[in-house]
Protein backbone atom coordinates (compact mmCIF):
# COMPACT_ATOMS: atom_id res chain seq x y z
CA MET A 1 -129.98 47.21 49.87
CA TYR A 2 -131.41 47.37 46.38
CA ILE A 3 -130.16 46.86 42.87
CA ASP A 4 -131.54 49.76 40.86
CA SER A 5 -131.09 51.14 37.38
CA SER A 6 -130.27 54.77 36.68
CA LYS A 7 -131.37 56.21 33.38
CA ILE A 8 -128.66 58.57 32.26
CA ARG A 9 -129.77 60.99 29.55
CA ILE A 10 -126.92 62.34 27.50
CA ASN A 11 -128.35 65.32 25.65
CA GLN A 12 -128.34 65.77 21.91
CA PRO A 13 -125.54 67.82 20.33
CA GLY A 14 -126.00 71.55 20.82
CA ARG A 15 -127.89 71.21 24.10
CA ALA A 16 -126.59 71.80 27.58
CA ALA A 17 -125.57 68.56 29.24
CA ARG A 18 -127.59 67.37 32.20
CA LEU A 19 -128.07 64.19 34.17
CA ILE A 20 -131.55 62.87 34.91
CA LEU A 21 -131.75 59.92 37.28
CA CYS A 22 -134.58 57.43 37.04
CA LEU A 23 -135.26 54.45 39.30
CA GLU A 24 -136.15 50.95 38.18
CA LEU A 25 -138.07 49.12 40.90
CA HIS A 26 -137.37 45.40 40.83
CA ALA A 27 -140.39 44.00 42.65
CA GLN A 28 -138.82 40.53 42.71
CA PHE A 29 -137.94 38.39 45.69
CA PRO A 30 -136.64 34.84 46.14
CA GLU A 31 -138.90 32.03 47.20
CA GLY A 32 -139.68 32.13 50.90
CA PHE A 33 -139.65 35.92 51.32
CA ASN A 34 -142.79 37.43 52.84
CA PHE A 35 -143.85 39.68 49.99
CA ALA A 36 -146.48 41.54 51.99
CA GLN A 37 -143.79 42.79 54.37
CA ARG A 38 -141.76 44.17 51.46
CA VAL A 39 -144.53 46.46 50.16
CA PRO A 40 -143.98 49.23 52.78
CA GLU A 41 -140.26 49.13 51.95
CA MET A 42 -141.05 49.62 48.26
CA VAL A 43 -143.23 52.62 49.09
CA ALA A 44 -140.46 54.09 51.25
CA GLN A 45 -138.01 53.63 48.38
CA VAL A 46 -140.32 55.46 45.98
CA ARG A 47 -140.80 58.35 48.40
CA ALA A 48 -137.05 58.60 49.00
CA ALA A 49 -136.39 58.67 45.25
CA ARG A 50 -139.08 61.32 44.75
CA ASP A 51 -137.68 63.51 47.53
CA ALA A 52 -134.13 63.07 46.16
CA GLY A 53 -135.20 64.43 42.78
CA PHE A 54 -135.44 61.24 40.72
CA ALA A 55 -137.48 61.93 37.59
CA SER A 56 -139.21 58.63 36.90
CA LEU A 57 -139.98 55.09 38.01
CA TRP A 58 -139.71 52.03 35.76
CA PHE A 59 -141.02 48.52 36.38
CA PRO A 60 -139.89 45.20 34.84
CA HIS A 61 -142.40 42.66 33.58
CA HIS A 62 -142.62 38.89 33.22
CA TRP A 63 -145.07 36.07 33.79
CA LEU A 64 -144.47 32.57 35.19
CA THR A 65 -141.36 33.45 37.19
CA HIS A 66 -141.61 30.69 39.84
CA PRO A 67 -139.69 30.14 42.08
CA MET A 68 -138.86 33.85 41.91
CA GLN A 69 -141.72 35.93 43.31
CA MET A 70 -142.72 38.89 41.13
CA LEU A 71 -145.63 41.32 41.35
CA GLN A 72 -147.51 42.17 38.18
CA ILE A 73 -146.77 45.72 37.18
CA THR A 74 -150.13 47.22 36.20
CA PRO A 75 -151.69 47.08 39.69
CA VAL A 76 -148.31 47.96 41.22
CA MET A 77 -147.98 51.08 39.05
CA GLY A 78 -151.51 52.15 40.00
CA PHE A 79 -150.68 51.67 43.67
CA ILE A 80 -147.32 53.45 43.46
CA ALA A 81 -148.75 56.42 41.54
CA ALA A 82 -150.27 57.75 44.76
CA HIS A 83 -146.78 57.96 46.30
CA ALA A 84 -144.84 59.15 43.25
CA GLU A 85 -146.48 62.62 43.08
CA GLY A 86 -145.41 63.99 39.73
CA MET A 87 -142.81 61.41 38.75
CA THR A 88 -143.13 59.72 35.37
CA ILE A 89 -144.14 56.06 35.65
CA GLY A 90 -143.86 53.29 33.08
CA PRO A 91 -143.01 49.66 32.36
CA ASN A 92 -139.50 48.69 31.29
CA ILE A 93 -140.82 46.74 29.55
CA LEU A 94 -144.37 45.48 29.07
CA ILE A 95 -144.29 42.35 26.92
CA LEU A 96 -146.88 43.37 24.34
CA PRO A 97 -147.38 40.54 21.77
CA PRO A 98 -149.19 38.05 24.08
CA LEU A 99 -151.64 40.75 25.20
CA ASN A 100 -154.72 42.13 23.48
CA PRO A 101 -153.96 45.76 22.58
CA VAL A 102 -157.50 46.82 23.55
CA HIS A 103 -156.77 45.71 27.12
CA VAL A 104 -153.37 47.43 27.11
CA ALA A 105 -154.84 50.65 25.66
CA GLU A 106 -157.56 50.77 28.32
CA GLU A 107 -155.10 50.20 31.16
CA ALA A 108 -152.59 52.69 29.76
CA ALA A 109 -155.28 55.36 29.47
CA THR A 110 -156.35 54.69 33.06
CA LEU A 111 -152.76 54.94 34.31
CA ASP A 112 -152.27 58.17 32.36
CA VAL A 113 -155.29 59.59 34.22
CA LEU A 114 -154.10 58.31 37.61
CA THR A 115 -150.63 59.83 37.11
CA GLY A 116 -151.94 63.14 35.81
CA GLY A 117 -150.53 62.55 32.34
CA ASN A 118 -147.18 61.19 33.56
CA TYR A 119 -147.46 57.66 32.22
CA VAL A 120 -145.08 56.32 29.57
CA LEU A 121 -145.72 52.95 27.91
CA GLY A 122 -142.49 51.01 27.45
CA VAL A 123 -143.05 47.92 25.31
CA GLY A 124 -141.02 45.12 23.81
CA LEU A 125 -141.35 41.84 21.94
CA GLY A 126 -140.48 39.42 24.74
CA TYR A 127 -138.46 36.26 24.33
CA ARG A 128 -139.40 33.59 26.92
CA GLN A 129 -141.01 30.52 25.34
CA PRO A 130 -143.08 29.50 28.44
CA GLU A 131 -144.79 32.91 28.48
CA PHE A 132 -145.85 32.69 24.85
CA ASP A 133 -146.90 29.04 25.17
CA ALA A 134 -149.13 29.91 28.13
CA PHE A 135 -150.96 32.56 26.08
CA GLY A 136 -151.17 30.35 23.00
CA ILE A 137 -149.09 32.79 20.95
CA SER A 138 -146.29 31.77 18.62
CA LEU A 139 -142.94 33.48 19.04
CA SER A 140 -142.81 33.78 15.27
CA GLU A 141 -145.82 36.14 15.42
CA ARG A 142 -144.22 38.57 17.88
CA ALA A 143 -143.28 41.30 15.44
CA PRO A 144 -146.52 41.47 13.39
CA ARG A 145 -148.64 41.34 16.56
CA PHE A 146 -146.49 44.08 18.06
CA ASN A 147 -146.82 46.34 15.02
CA GLU A 148 -150.57 45.88 14.66
CA GLY A 149 -151.10 46.30 18.40
CA ILE A 150 -149.36 49.68 18.54
CA THR A 151 -151.31 50.93 15.52
CA LEU A 152 -154.61 49.92 17.12
CA MET A 153 -153.74 51.41 20.52
CA ARG A 154 -152.94 54.79 18.99
CA ARG A 155 -156.30 54.81 17.21
CA LEU A 156 -158.15 53.87 20.40
CA TRP A 157 -156.47 56.70 22.30
CA SER A 158 -157.07 59.37 19.66
CA GLU A 159 -160.36 58.45 17.99
CA GLY A 160 -163.90 58.10 19.31
CA ARG A 161 -165.34 54.93 17.85
CA VAL A 162 -162.91 52.66 16.03
CA SER A 163 -163.40 49.97 13.41
CA HIS A 164 -160.37 47.78 12.88
CA LYS A 165 -160.05 44.37 11.27
CA GLY A 166 -156.46 43.22 11.12
CA ARG A 167 -154.59 39.95 10.97
CA PHE A 168 -154.81 39.42 14.73
CA TYR A 169 -157.24 41.92 16.28
CA THR A 170 -160.74 43.18 15.56
CA VAL A 171 -162.72 46.14 16.92
CA ASN A 172 -166.20 46.79 15.52
CA ASP A 173 -167.30 50.43 15.85
CA ALA A 174 -166.35 50.78 19.53
CA GLY A 175 -164.22 53.02 21.73
CA ILE A 176 -162.35 52.79 25.02
CA GLY A 177 -163.98 53.93 28.26
CA VAL A 178 -161.59 56.75 29.17
CA LYS A 179 -159.22 58.78 27.05
CA PRO A 180 -155.65 59.50 28.21
CA VAL A 181 -154.84 62.92 29.67
CA ARG A 182 -152.41 63.63 26.86
CA PRO A 183 -153.92 63.99 23.39
CA GLY A 184 -153.02 60.96 21.32
CA GLY A 185 -152.12 58.92 24.37
CA PRO A 186 -148.98 58.30 26.42
CA PRO A 187 -145.62 58.15 24.63
CA ILE A 188 -144.68 54.66 23.46
CA CYS A 189 -141.05 53.73 24.10
CA VAL A 190 -140.00 50.71 22.05
CA ALA A 191 -137.24 48.53 23.47
CA GLY A 192 -134.66 46.83 21.31
CA GLN A 193 -131.00 45.94 20.87
CA ALA A 194 -130.81 44.30 17.44
CA ASP A 195 -130.66 46.58 14.39
CA VAL A 196 -134.09 45.44 13.21
CA SER A 197 -135.55 46.36 16.61
CA VAL A 198 -133.94 49.80 16.52
CA ARG A 199 -135.41 50.37 13.06
CA ARG A 200 -138.82 49.33 14.40
CA ALA A 201 -138.50 51.80 17.27
CA ALA A 202 -137.66 54.57 14.79
CA ARG A 203 -140.60 53.64 12.60
CA ILE A 204 -143.47 53.13 15.06
CA GLY A 205 -142.30 54.35 18.46
CA ASP A 206 -142.05 57.76 20.10
CA ALA A 207 -138.70 56.82 21.62
CA TRP A 208 -136.13 54.04 21.70
CA LEU A 209 -135.81 52.38 25.11
CA ILE A 210 -132.17 51.33 25.28
CA VAL A 211 -130.47 48.62 27.25
CA SER A 212 -126.88 49.44 26.32
CA THR A 213 -124.59 46.43 26.20
CA SER A 214 -122.16 47.81 23.67
CA GLY A 215 -121.24 51.25 25.01
CA LEU A 216 -122.62 54.73 24.53
CA GLY A 217 -120.53 55.35 21.40
CA LYS A 218 -122.29 52.63 19.45
CA VAL A 219 -125.65 53.76 20.81
CA MET A 220 -125.07 57.29 19.53
CA SER A 221 -123.97 55.96 16.14
CA ARG A 222 -127.14 53.90 15.82
CA CYS A 223 -129.24 56.92 16.79
CA ARG A 224 -127.67 58.94 13.99
CA THR A 225 -127.98 56.08 11.46
CA GLN A 226 -131.65 55.43 12.21
CA GLY A 227 -132.56 59.09 12.70
CA ILE A 228 -134.04 58.41 16.14
CA TRP A 229 -133.44 59.96 19.54
CA PRO A 230 -134.75 58.04 22.52
CA ASP A 231 -136.64 61.07 23.82
CA PRO A 232 -136.73 64.83 23.32
CA ASP A 233 -134.37 65.39 26.26
CA GLY A 234 -131.61 63.10 25.05
CA VAL A 235 -130.35 59.52 25.06
CA PRO A 236 -131.45 57.32 27.95
CA ASP A 237 -128.67 54.85 28.71
CA HIS A 238 -129.58 52.29 31.35
CA ARG A 239 -126.71 51.49 33.71
CA ARG A 240 -126.89 49.12 36.67
CA VAL A 241 -125.88 50.67 39.99
CA LEU A 242 -125.95 49.55 43.62
CA CYS A 243 -127.76 51.85 46.06
CA ARG A 244 -127.47 51.49 49.81
CA ARG A 245 -127.37 53.62 52.95
CA ALA A 246 -123.99 55.16 53.61
CA PRO A 247 -122.35 54.28 56.94
CA CYS A 248 -122.42 56.94 59.64
CA HIS A 249 -119.12 58.14 61.10
CA GLY A 250 -118.65 60.00 64.34
CA ALA A 251 -121.21 61.05 66.87
């Protein structure tokens, strides 16, 4: 039994309605579980989702989750890519501000190559104080670090050698080791619920990664107000659903 998240895309006005299901893999287990024994189950879940026609896989991200056990998503996504075979893969969400964008850009480009150009980078500000304290980053710097980081990553993906000297990050006439499959790099989906976060997604993101807590009607209204659609295919609305094997009846 798993708790998964379906991503329901409600198409923009004037387009034919369709439903695209996407699976969020929660690689989290309580203290005491043998994590190594759960890995084959996770692979089986991915293969079942792929064979059932699920379009993409999404992975949550946190640090310092003890006593909850949680795998780190970058190596997991690289491992799972071999079993996903054409599905889109991405974090929902990678907590960007504590990380150096050069490191994130290099790993995202590598994952885009490993997935054949099917990687999407979902990013957000984060909120947990222990995570930011551990990296020596102030929560008050989240937004400016986030903005500068995305700008630098896009340059690293699209340019050869880059020179950048910003408030937080510096690159001196250097370039990343491998370019993404897609020109300009993987799409960046920016998560957010507050109005200021939605405006940020419209300004610097390729899509708005929604966690809808106020209903689809308000989501659609905010899309129209900010002039942003979460992706070219429609509005992804994340709903929590319970998936389990149906009981068998009869012989």
